[in-house]
Amino acid sequence: MADDVRQTIESYVATALKQRFSDAGGAVGAAREKLLAAFGALEQALGSAGDARFDLPPEMIPAPPPPPPPPASEVGLVSHILSAQKEVLAAADQVGLLTQLLLGCTVSCPRVAFFILKKDALAGWAARGFERAQDADVRSLSVAIADNTILGAAFRSGNTVRSRKGSYPQDRQFLSRLGGDAPAEAMAVPIWIRDKVAAVLYGDSGRDEQILDPEVPEVLGLHAGLCLETLATRQKFPRQKAGEASAQAAPPAPSGPQAGALSPPGPIAVMAGSGSLSAASTAAPVAAPEATPAASLSSSGPQIAIVPAPPPTPPAAATPAPAPSRPAMAPAPSLDGMPEDERKLHEEARRFARLLVSEIVLYNERQVEEGRRQKDLYERLKEDIDRSKGMFDQRVNPKVRTSANYFYIELVRTLANGDESAIKVPWA
């Protein structure tokens, strides 16, 4: 009886297990068929998609990143050179041309001066940035060509000369007359007219450690020489604007300074002709030593000379008042010992400040000169100054702005010509 029960149970279990294995095998087979069918469908879809073009919707395609803008200082520098060249070329007379040359160079050199050839010496004509850069002080300067100065070296070589402090000890003679100490770096650019050196443009670093972008005075000096050569022709045949009806030739521009010039010391005549030049042809009826031709560029044939006209005679009743002493301007912070990356940021900020301020001076000559006399530069040029300050604050590293007020330093140095009392800004 017990054996029958055991056999029955074993038979039941075996039958149940076979059924379960059979069912499982069928399910696995069905799943395998479905899986193979899915793989086949996927393979077919991939094969057909390989030959078809698939475009994402425009809103899902990210825009390419814009190219990084060039440094603000580089853009501004190129713009300044182009603007300064245009102003030099557009000058109506020699006084305006050389005034624009000096203004254009102040972005690179805090102190600039222009010397013209007069016999065997270089005579001062005008300066910017020096403590005693008044016309009378500059015109009283005379530097012998043979002296061991940077001016003489540039004249004798006919090439731009750059020097460090102490290279030309005799430079102290004319620097002391202008009220300036020996700079850390200086440069002198010969001004060629035709085939002779007729003048020398001087520039230095002032209280800075070095000259920023020394190529600027060299480029503008070369350009100014070419403009002086063609000035007489351009005065006789002025360029007509596009669409303007042809007009009669304009009369030659007067040799005297125009209204609004930045206190020019007197007209400088650039003349072309044959034979020798006489003082009577360019000077006032009253003979004066200053009327002697300043530079003869060739011994025969056409000649070009740069001649300073005698200073105007002041009215007999006018008594010149003594010039008030100007407050000393705070120097820019020293960059010695700074890490290289931080020093570069400071130099770019200082360069950009000079660019902005020099543009203000360049396009507001009359208001700048009147504002210096009346000591109300900010009131007259508030819109231009505030706009330039906004550009400076936007582009200059905040850390640099908090450590040095370069924009205000340049306002005092260039716009106010070193007189801090002439410009009173509310944010200084």
Protein backbone atom coordinates (compact mmCIF):
# COMPACT_ATOMS: atom_id res chain seq x y z
CA MET A 1 0.00 0.00 0.00
CA ALA A 2 2.82 2.39 0.90
CA ASP A 3 4.63 1.60 -2.33
CA ASP A 4 1.55 2.45 -4.38
CA VAL A 5 1.23 5.83 -2.73
CA ARG A 6 4.90 6.65 -3.30
CA GLN A 7 4.70 5.71 -6.98
CA THR A 8 1.60 7.84 -7.41
CA ILE A 9 3.31 10.85 -5.86
CA GLU A 10 6.49 10.43 -7.93
CA SER A 11 4.45 10.09 -11.09
CA TYR A 12 2.48 13.26 -10.28
CA VAL A 13 5.63 15.25 -9.51
CA ALA A 14 7.38 14.06 -12.68
CA THR A 15 4.38 14.91 -14.81
CA ALA A 16 4.09 18.37 -13.21
CA LEU A 17 7.77 19.10 -13.72
CA LYS A 18 7.65 18.06 -17.37
CA GLN A 19 4.66 20.32 -17.92
CA ARG A 20 6.41 23.24 -16.23
CA PHE A 21 9.60 22.74 -18.30
CA SER A 22 7.50 22.49 -21.43
CA ASP A 23 5.66 25.72 -20.65
CA ALA A 24 8.93 27.52 -19.79
CA GLY A 25 10.56 26.37 -23.00
CA GLY A 26 7.64 27.65 -25.03
CA ALA A 27 7.79 31.05 -23.29
CA VAL A 28 11.54 31.32 -23.88
CA GLY A 29 11.09 30.43 -27.53
CA ALA A 30 8.38 33.02 -27.94
CA ALA A 31 10.51 35.67 -26.24
CA ARG A 32 13.46 34.75 -28.47
CA GLU A 33 11.31 35.13 -31.58
CA LYS A 34 10.12 38.55 -30.42
CA LEU A 35 13.67 39.62 -29.62
CA LEU A 36 14.97 38.53 -33.02
CA ALA A 37 12.09 40.33 -34.71
CA ALA A 38 12.90 43.49 -32.75
CA PHE A 39 16.58 43.29 -33.73
CA GLY A 40 15.60 42.84 -37.35
CA ALA A 41 13.32 45.86 -37.26
CA LEU A 42 16.05 47.95 -35.59
CA GLU A 43 18.62 46.90 -38.16
CA GLN A 44 16.26 47.80 -40.99
CA ALA A 45 15.51 51.19 -39.42
CA LEU A 46 19.20 51.96 -38.98
CA GLY A 47 19.92 50.96 -42.55
CA SER A 48 17.23 53.22 -43.96
CA ALA A 49 18.19 56.12 -41.66
CA GLY A 50 21.82 56.03 -42.84
CA ASP A 51 20.84 57.37 -46.27
CA ALA A 52 18.35 59.94 -45.01
CA ARG A 53 19.19 63.51 -43.82
CA PHE A 54 18.29 64.29 -40.29
CA ASP A 55 18.14 67.96 -39.21
CA LEU A 56 17.62 69.18 -35.71
CA PRO A 57 15.13 71.99 -35.22
CA PRO A 58 16.81 75.41 -35.30
CA GLU A 59 15.85 76.15 -31.70
CA MET A 60 17.78 73.04 -30.61
CA ILE A 61 21.02 74.08 -32.34
CA PRO A 62 23.17 76.26 -30.04
CA ALA A 63 24.61 79.40 -31.58
CA PRO A 64 28.42 79.38 -32.02
CA PRO A 65 30.22 81.45 -29.40
CA PRO A 66 31.27 84.90 -30.64
CA PRO A 67 35.00 85.43 -31.19
CA PRO A 68 36.71 87.08 -28.25
CA PRO A 69 36.97 90.85 -28.79
CA PRO A 70 40.48 92.27 -29.07
CA PRO A 71 41.79 94.10 -26.02
CA ALA A 72 40.23 97.53 -25.62
CA SER A 73 43.63 99.21 -25.39
CA GLU A 74 44.72 97.82 -28.79
CA VAL A 75 41.50 98.86 -30.51
CA GLY A 76 41.70 102.32 -28.98
CA LEU A 77 45.35 102.73 -29.91
CA VAL A 78 44.81 101.98 -33.60
CA SER A 79 41.75 104.24 -33.60
CA HIS A 80 43.77 107.02 -31.98
CA ILE A 81 46.60 106.80 -34.50
CA LEU A 82 44.13 106.92 -37.39
CA SER A 83 42.25 109.84 -35.84
CA ALA A 84 45.48 111.75 -35.11
CA GLN A 85 46.70 111.23 -38.68
CA LYS A 86 43.42 112.57 -40.05
CA GLU A 87 43.63 115.65 -37.80
CA VAL A 88 47.23 116.33 -38.88
CA LEU A 89 46.28 115.95 -42.55
CA ALA A 90 43.22 118.18 -42.18
CA ALA A 91 45.12 121.04 -40.50
CA ALA A 92 44.76 124.28 -42.45
CA ASP A 93 48.17 125.69 -41.56
CA GLN A 94 51.50 124.73 -40.03
CA VAL A 95 50.57 125.85 -36.53
CA GLY A 96 47.50 123.65 -36.46
CA LEU A 97 49.39 120.74 -37.99
CA LEU A 98 52.17 120.74 -35.41
CA THR A 99 49.73 121.36 -32.56
CA GLN A 100 47.80 118.24 -33.58
CA LEU A 101 51.09 116.33 -33.78
CA LEU A 102 51.93 117.18 -30.17
CA LEU A 103 48.44 116.31 -28.97
CA GLY A 104 48.51 112.98 -30.76
CA CYS A 105 51.83 112.03 -29.14
CA THR A 106 50.73 112.71 -25.56
CA VAL A 107 48.95 109.35 -25.46
CA SER A 108 52.37 107.70 -25.61
CA CYS A 109 54.62 110.27 -23.93
CA PRO A 110 53.39 112.31 -20.94
CA ARG A 111 55.79 115.12 -21.93
CA VAL A 112 56.44 116.19 -25.51
CA ALA A 113 58.25 119.11 -27.13
CA PHE A 114 58.93 120.24 -30.68
CA PHE A 115 62.25 121.77 -31.81
CA ILE A 116 62.96 123.32 -35.22
CA LEU A 117 66.30 123.73 -36.93
CA LYS A 118 67.73 127.22 -36.76
CA LYS A 119 71.24 127.50 -38.16
CA ASP A 120 73.37 125.18 -36.00
CA ALA A 121 70.88 124.72 -33.17
CA LEU A 122 67.48 123.28 -32.44
CA ALA A 123 65.14 126.02 -31.24
CA GLY A 124 62.13 125.23 -29.06
CA TRP A 125 58.70 125.83 -30.56
CA ALA A 126 56.06 124.31 -28.25
CA ALA A 127 55.68 121.69 -25.54
CA ARG A 128 53.01 119.82 -23.61
CA GLY A 129 53.07 118.19 -20.19
CA PHE A 130 56.01 120.09 -18.68
CA GLU A 131 55.59 122.28 -15.62
CA ARG A 132 56.88 125.33 -17.48
CA ALA A 133 55.57 124.60 -20.95
CA GLN A 134 54.51 128.20 -21.60
CA ASP A 135 55.28 129.56 -25.04
CA ALA A 136 57.89 132.05 -23.84
CA ASP A 137 59.76 129.37 -21.88
CA VAL A 138 59.84 126.99 -24.82
CA ARG A 139 60.81 129.59 -27.43
CA SER A 140 63.77 130.67 -25.34
CA LEU A 141 65.34 127.21 -25.64
CA SER A 142 68.22 126.60 -28.01
CA VAL A 143 70.08 123.29 -28.10
CA ALA A 144 73.25 123.10 -30.17
CA ILE A 145 73.27 120.28 -32.69
CA ALA A 146 76.80 119.30 -31.70
CA ASP A 147 75.90 118.89 -28.00
CA ASN A 148 75.67 115.41 -26.52
CA THR A 149 71.88 115.43 -26.24
CA ILE A 150 69.24 113.06 -27.49
CA LEU A 151 68.00 115.85 -29.76
CA GLY A 152 71.42 116.22 -31.38
CA ALA A 153 71.80 112.45 -31.71
CA ALA A 154 68.47 112.15 -33.54
CA PHE A 155 69.29 115.08 -35.82
CA ARG A 156 72.77 113.84 -36.70
CA SER A 157 71.71 110.23 -37.33
CA GLY A 158 68.42 111.00 -39.01
CA ASN A 159 66.85 108.12 -37.09
CA THR A 160 64.65 107.81 -34.02
CA VAL A 161 66.73 107.61 -30.85
CA ARG A 162 65.54 106.06 -27.57
CA SER A 163 67.51 106.31 -24.35
CA ARG A 164 67.36 105.43 -20.68
CA LYS A 165 68.07 107.80 -17.82
CA GLY A 166 71.61 109.16 -17.85
CA SER A 167 72.45 108.22 -21.45
CA TYR A 168 72.69 111.88 -22.49
CA PRO A 169 73.75 113.99 -19.45
CA GLN A 170 73.40 117.28 -21.35
CA ASP A 171 69.64 116.72 -21.70
CA ARG A 172 69.36 118.31 -18.27
CA GLN A 173 70.09 121.69 -19.84
CA PHE A 174 66.81 121.93 -21.72
CA LEU A 175 64.78 119.73 -19.34
CA SER A 176 65.51 122.03 -16.40
CA ARG A 177 64.40 125.02 -18.46
CA LEU A 178 61.09 123.29 -19.08
CA GLY A 179 60.65 122.41 -15.42
CA GLY A 180 61.14 118.68 -15.73
CA ASP A 181 63.42 116.13 -14.09
CA ALA A 182 65.40 113.54 -16.00
CA PRO A 183 62.93 110.85 -17.13
CA ALA A 184 63.38 107.10 -16.94
CA GLU A 185 63.03 106.85 -20.74
CA ALA A 186 63.11 109.38 -23.57
CA MET A 187 62.93 109.38 -27.35
CA ALA A 188 63.59 111.83 -30.17
CA VAL A 189 62.10 111.56 -33.66
CA PRO A 190 63.65 113.48 -36.58
CA ILE A 191 61.13 115.24 -38.83
CA TRP A 192 62.17 114.82 -42.45
CA ILE A 193 61.02 117.35 -45.04
CA ARG A 194 62.13 116.44 -48.54
CA ASP A 195 65.68 115.21 -48.08
CA LYS A 196 66.70 117.03 -44.90
CA VAL A 197 65.95 116.85 -41.18
CA ALA A 198 64.16 120.12 -40.42
CA ALA A 199 62.96 119.49 -36.84
CA VAL A 200 63.03 117.02 -33.96
CA LEU A 201 60.08 115.77 -31.92
CA TYR A 202 60.99 114.98 -28.31
CA GLY A 203 58.99 112.82 -25.90
CA ASP A 204 59.66 111.12 -22.57
CA SER A 205 58.00 109.04 -19.87
CA GLY A 206 57.71 111.89 -17.35
CA ARG A 207 57.12 110.31 -13.95
CA ASP A 208 56.32 106.91 -15.44
CA GLU A 209 58.78 104.05 -15.67
CA GLN A 210 58.66 103.81 -19.46
CA ILE A 211 57.15 105.21 -22.64
CA LEU A 212 53.97 103.43 -23.64
CA ASP A 213 53.75 102.50 -27.33
CA PRO A 214 56.84 104.39 -28.60
CA GLU A 215 55.75 103.62 -32.16
CA VAL A 216 53.04 106.31 -31.93
CA PRO A 217 55.37 109.38 -31.99
CA GLU A 218 57.47 107.77 -34.71
CA VAL A 219 54.46 107.06 -36.96
CA LEU A 220 52.93 110.50 -36.38
CA GLY A 221 56.29 112.24 -36.85
CA LEU A 222 56.82 110.56 -40.21
CA HIS A 223 53.24 111.42 -41.21
CA ALA A 224 53.64 115.05 -40.12
CA GLY A 225 56.77 115.47 -42.24
CA LEU A 226 54.94 114.23 -45.33
CA CYS A 227 52.00 116.53 -44.58
CA LEU A 228 54.33 119.52 -44.23
CA GLU A 229 55.79 118.78 -47.65
CA THR A 230 52.37 118.86 -49.31
CA LEU A 231 50.72 121.56 -47.20
CA ALA A 232 51.23 124.39 -49.69
CA THR A 233 49.67 122.32 -52.48
CA ARG A 234 46.73 121.27 -50.32
CA GLN A 235 46.12 124.89 -49.32
CA LYS A 236 46.06 125.94 -52.96
CA PHE A 237 43.94 123.01 -54.11
CA PRO A 238 41.74 121.98 -51.17
CA ARG A 239 40.04 118.61 -51.41
CA GLN A 240 36.38 118.80 -52.43
CA LYS A 241 33.81 116.75 -50.55
CA ALA A 242 31.89 114.04 -52.40
CA GLY A 243 28.88 115.49 -54.28
CA GLU A 244 30.05 119.05 -53.78
CA ALA A 245 30.02 121.30 -56.81
CA SER A 246 33.44 122.30 -58.02
CA ALA A 247 34.31 125.68 -56.65
CA GLN A 248 37.00 128.17 -57.40
CA ALA A 249 40.38 127.53 -55.85
CA ALA A 250 40.40 128.76 -52.30
CA PRO A 251 42.92 131.45 -51.42
CA PRO A 252 45.96 130.29 -49.48
CA ALA A 253 45.36 129.94 -45.77
CA PRO A 254 46.81 132.74 -43.65
CA SER A 255 50.13 132.04 -42.03
CA GLY A 256 48.95 133.22 -38.60
CA PRO A 257 47.32 130.98 -36.02
CA GLN A 258 43.62 130.26 -36.28
CA ALA A 259 41.14 131.06 -33.57
CA GLY A 260 40.85 128.23 -31.14
CA ALA A 261 44.41 126.95 -31.47
CA LEU A 262 45.95 125.71 -28.24
CA SER A 263 48.08 128.77 -27.49
CA PRO A 264 50.43 128.39 -30.49
CA PRO A 265 53.70 130.27 -30.05
CA GLY A 266 53.50 131.69 -33.53
CA PRO A 267 53.08 130.59 -37.14
CA ILE A 268 55.58 128.24 -38.68
CA ALA A 269 55.97 128.71 -42.39
CA VAL A 270 56.86 125.84 -44.69
CA MET A 271 57.77 127.30 -48.07
CA ALA A 272 58.78 125.79 -51.36
CA GLY A 273 60.46 127.75 -54.12
CA SER A 274 63.70 128.26 -55.93
CA GLY A 275 66.65 130.30 -54.89
CA SER A 276 67.34 131.47 -51.37
CA LEU A 277 64.73 132.34 -48.79
CA SER A 278 64.80 135.77 -47.24
CA ALA A 279 63.49 136.72 -43.84
CA ALA A 280 61.57 139.63 -45.35
CA SER A 281 59.40 137.25 -47.36
CA THR A 282 57.90 135.62 -44.28
CA ALA A 283 58.48 137.90 -41.31
CA ALA A 284 56.75 141.03 -40.15
CA PRO A 285 58.08 144.40 -41.43
CA VAL A 286 59.99 144.88 -38.18
CA ALA A 287 63.19 142.90 -38.42
CA ALA A 288 63.77 140.37 -35.65
CA PRO A 289 66.28 137.56 -35.11
CA GLU A 290 63.43 135.03 -35.00
CA ALA A 291 62.57 135.82 -38.60
CA THR A 292 65.77 134.21 -39.90
CA PRO A 293 65.05 131.04 -41.89
CA ALA A 294 65.13 128.15 -39.48
CA ALA A 295 66.07 125.25 -41.70
CA SER A 296 67.35 125.16 -45.26
CA LEU A 297 66.77 121.69 -46.63
CA SER A 298 68.91 121.89 -49.73
CA SER A 299 71.80 124.02 -50.86
CA SER A 300 70.39 124.60 -54.35
CA GLY A 301 67.11 124.21 -56.13
CA PRO A 302 63.81 123.90 -54.25
CA GLN A 303 64.09 124.65 -50.57
CA ILE A 304 61.81 124.10 -47.59
CA ALA A 305 62.27 125.94 -44.35
CA ILE A 306 60.51 125.98 -41.02
CA VAL A 307 60.58 129.46 -39.58
CA PRO A 308 59.20 130.66 -36.25
CA ALA A 309 57.49 134.01 -36.64
CA PRO A 310 58.29 136.75 -34.13
CA PRO A 311 55.97 136.80 -31.12
CA PRO A 312 53.22 139.43 -31.32
CA THR A 313 53.94 142.72 -29.60
CA PRO A 314 51.73 143.08 -26.51
CA PRO A 315 49.70 146.27 -26.07
CA ALA A 316 51.61 149.00 -24.29
CA ALA A 317 48.99 149.41 -21.58
CA ALA A 318 48.72 145.71 -20.82
CA THR A 319 50.74 144.55 -17.85
CA PRO A 320 51.09 140.76 -17.72
CA ALA A 321 50.04 139.35 -14.40
CA PRO A 322 52.34 136.85 -12.75
CA ALA A 323 51.36 133.27 -13.54
CA PRO A 324 49.82 131.58 -10.50
CA SER A 325 51.60 128.56 -9.16
CA ARG A 326 49.89 125.32 -10.09
CA PRO A 327 49.18 122.62 -7.55
CA ALA A 328 51.41 119.61 -7.87
CA MET A 329 49.70 116.63 -9.42
CA ALA A 330 49.84 113.35 -7.55
CA PRO A 331 52.12 110.92 -9.43
CA ALA A 332 50.89 107.60 -10.75
CA PRO A 333 51.67 104.62 -8.51
CA SER A 334 54.96 102.85 -9.11
CA LEU A 335 54.77 99.52 -10.93
CA ASP A 336 58.10 98.27 -9.60
CA GLY A 337 57.86 94.94 -7.87
CA MET A 338 54.40 94.11 -9.24
CA PRO A 339 53.78 90.65 -10.70
CA GLU A 340 53.95 90.64 -14.48
CA ASP A 341 50.24 90.01 -15.05
CA GLU A 342 49.22 92.75 -12.60
CA ARG A 343 51.75 95.17 -14.07
CA LYS A 344 50.32 94.56 -17.54
CA LEU A 345 46.80 95.38 -16.32
CA HIS A 346 48.05 98.69 -14.87
CA GLU A 347 49.87 99.61 -18.09
CA GLU A 348 46.78 98.86 -20.20
CA ALA A 349 44.62 100.95 -17.87
CA ARG A 350 47.04 103.86 -18.05
CA ARG A 351 47.23 103.61 -21.84
CA PHE A 352 43.45 103.49 -22.19
CA ALA A 353 43.05 106.53 -19.92
CA ARG A 354 45.48 108.49 -22.09
CA LEU A 355 43.59 107.51 -25.22
CA LEU A 356 40.26 108.66 -23.81
CA VAL A 357 41.54 111.99 -22.47
CA SER A 358 43.60 112.80 -25.56
CA GLU A 359 40.47 112.34 -27.69
CA ILE A 360 38.64 114.87 -25.49
CA VAL A 361 41.44 117.39 -26.04
CA LEU A 362 41.64 116.63 -29.74
CA TYR A 363 38.00 117.46 -30.49
CA ASN A 364 37.44 120.32 -28.00
CA GLU A 365 40.44 122.59 -28.49
CA ARG A 366 38.71 125.91 -27.92
CA GLN A 367 36.78 124.78 -24.86
CA VAL A 368 39.88 123.14 -23.38
CA GLU A 369 41.95 126.31 -23.73
CA GLU A 370 39.18 128.49 -22.28
CA GLY A 371 38.51 126.00 -19.49
CA ARG A 372 42.17 126.03 -18.48
CA ARG A 373 42.08 129.79 -18.18
CA GLN A 374 38.76 129.93 -16.34
CA LYS A 375 39.48 126.75 -14.31
CA ASP A 376 36.12 125.20 -15.18
CA LEU A 377 37.08 122.34 -17.48
CA TYR A 378 34.64 119.85 -15.98
CA GLU A 379 31.69 122.22 -16.25
CA ARG A 380 32.46 122.87 -19.92
CA LEU A 381 33.20 119.26 -20.91
CA LYS A 382 31.05 117.36 -18.43
CA GLU A 383 29.30 115.23 -21.05
CA ASP A 384 32.53 114.13 -22.76
CA ILE A 385 34.35 113.53 -19.47
CA ASP A 386 31.54 111.49 -17.92
CA ARG A 387 31.11 109.41 -21.06
CA SER A 388 34.83 108.65 -21.22
CA LYS A 389 34.91 107.80 -17.53
CA GLY A 390 32.04 105.36 -18.08
CA MET A 391 34.00 103.64 -20.84
CA PHE A 392 37.08 103.51 -18.63
CA ASP A 393 35.16 102.01 -15.69
CA GLN A 394 33.51 99.46 -17.98
CA ARG A 395 36.68 98.14 -19.61
CA VAL A 396 39.30 98.41 -16.87
CA ASN A 397 39.75 95.75 -14.20
CA PRO A 398 37.97 96.86 -10.97
CA LYS A 399 41.01 95.92 -8.90
CA VAL A 400 43.15 98.31 -10.94
CA ARG A 401 40.57 101.10 -10.68
CA THR A 402 40.45 100.90 -6.89
CA SER A 403 44.24 100.93 -6.54
CA ALA A 404 45.00 103.80 -8.94
CA ASN A 405 42.80 106.59 -10.36
CA TYR A 406 44.49 106.64 -13.76
CA PHE A 407 41.62 108.39 -15.51
CA TYR A 408 41.70 111.35 -13.12
CA ILE A 409 45.52 111.48 -13.30
CA GLU A 410 45.28 111.80 -17.09
CA LEU A 411 42.55 114.43 -16.82
CA VAL A 412 44.88 116.59 -14.73
CA ARG A 413 48.01 115.84 -16.74
CA THR A 414 46.62 116.19 -20.27
CA LEU A 415 43.30 118.02 -20.11
CA ALA A 416 44.28 120.52 -17.39
CA ASN A 417 47.93 120.61 -18.48
CA GLY A 418 49.04 119.69 -14.96
CA ASP A 419 46.90 122.30 -13.15
CA GLU A 420 44.71 120.34 -10.76
CA SER A 421 42.79 123.46 -9.78
CA ALA A 422 41.48 123.80 -13.34
CA ILE A 423 39.38 120.65 -13.15
CA LYS A 424 37.12 119.83 -10.23
CA VAL A 425 35.29 116.57 -10.75
CA PRO A 426 32.77 115.34 -8.15
CA TRP A 427 34.09 111.75 -8.13
CA ALA A 428 37.83 112.41 -7.66
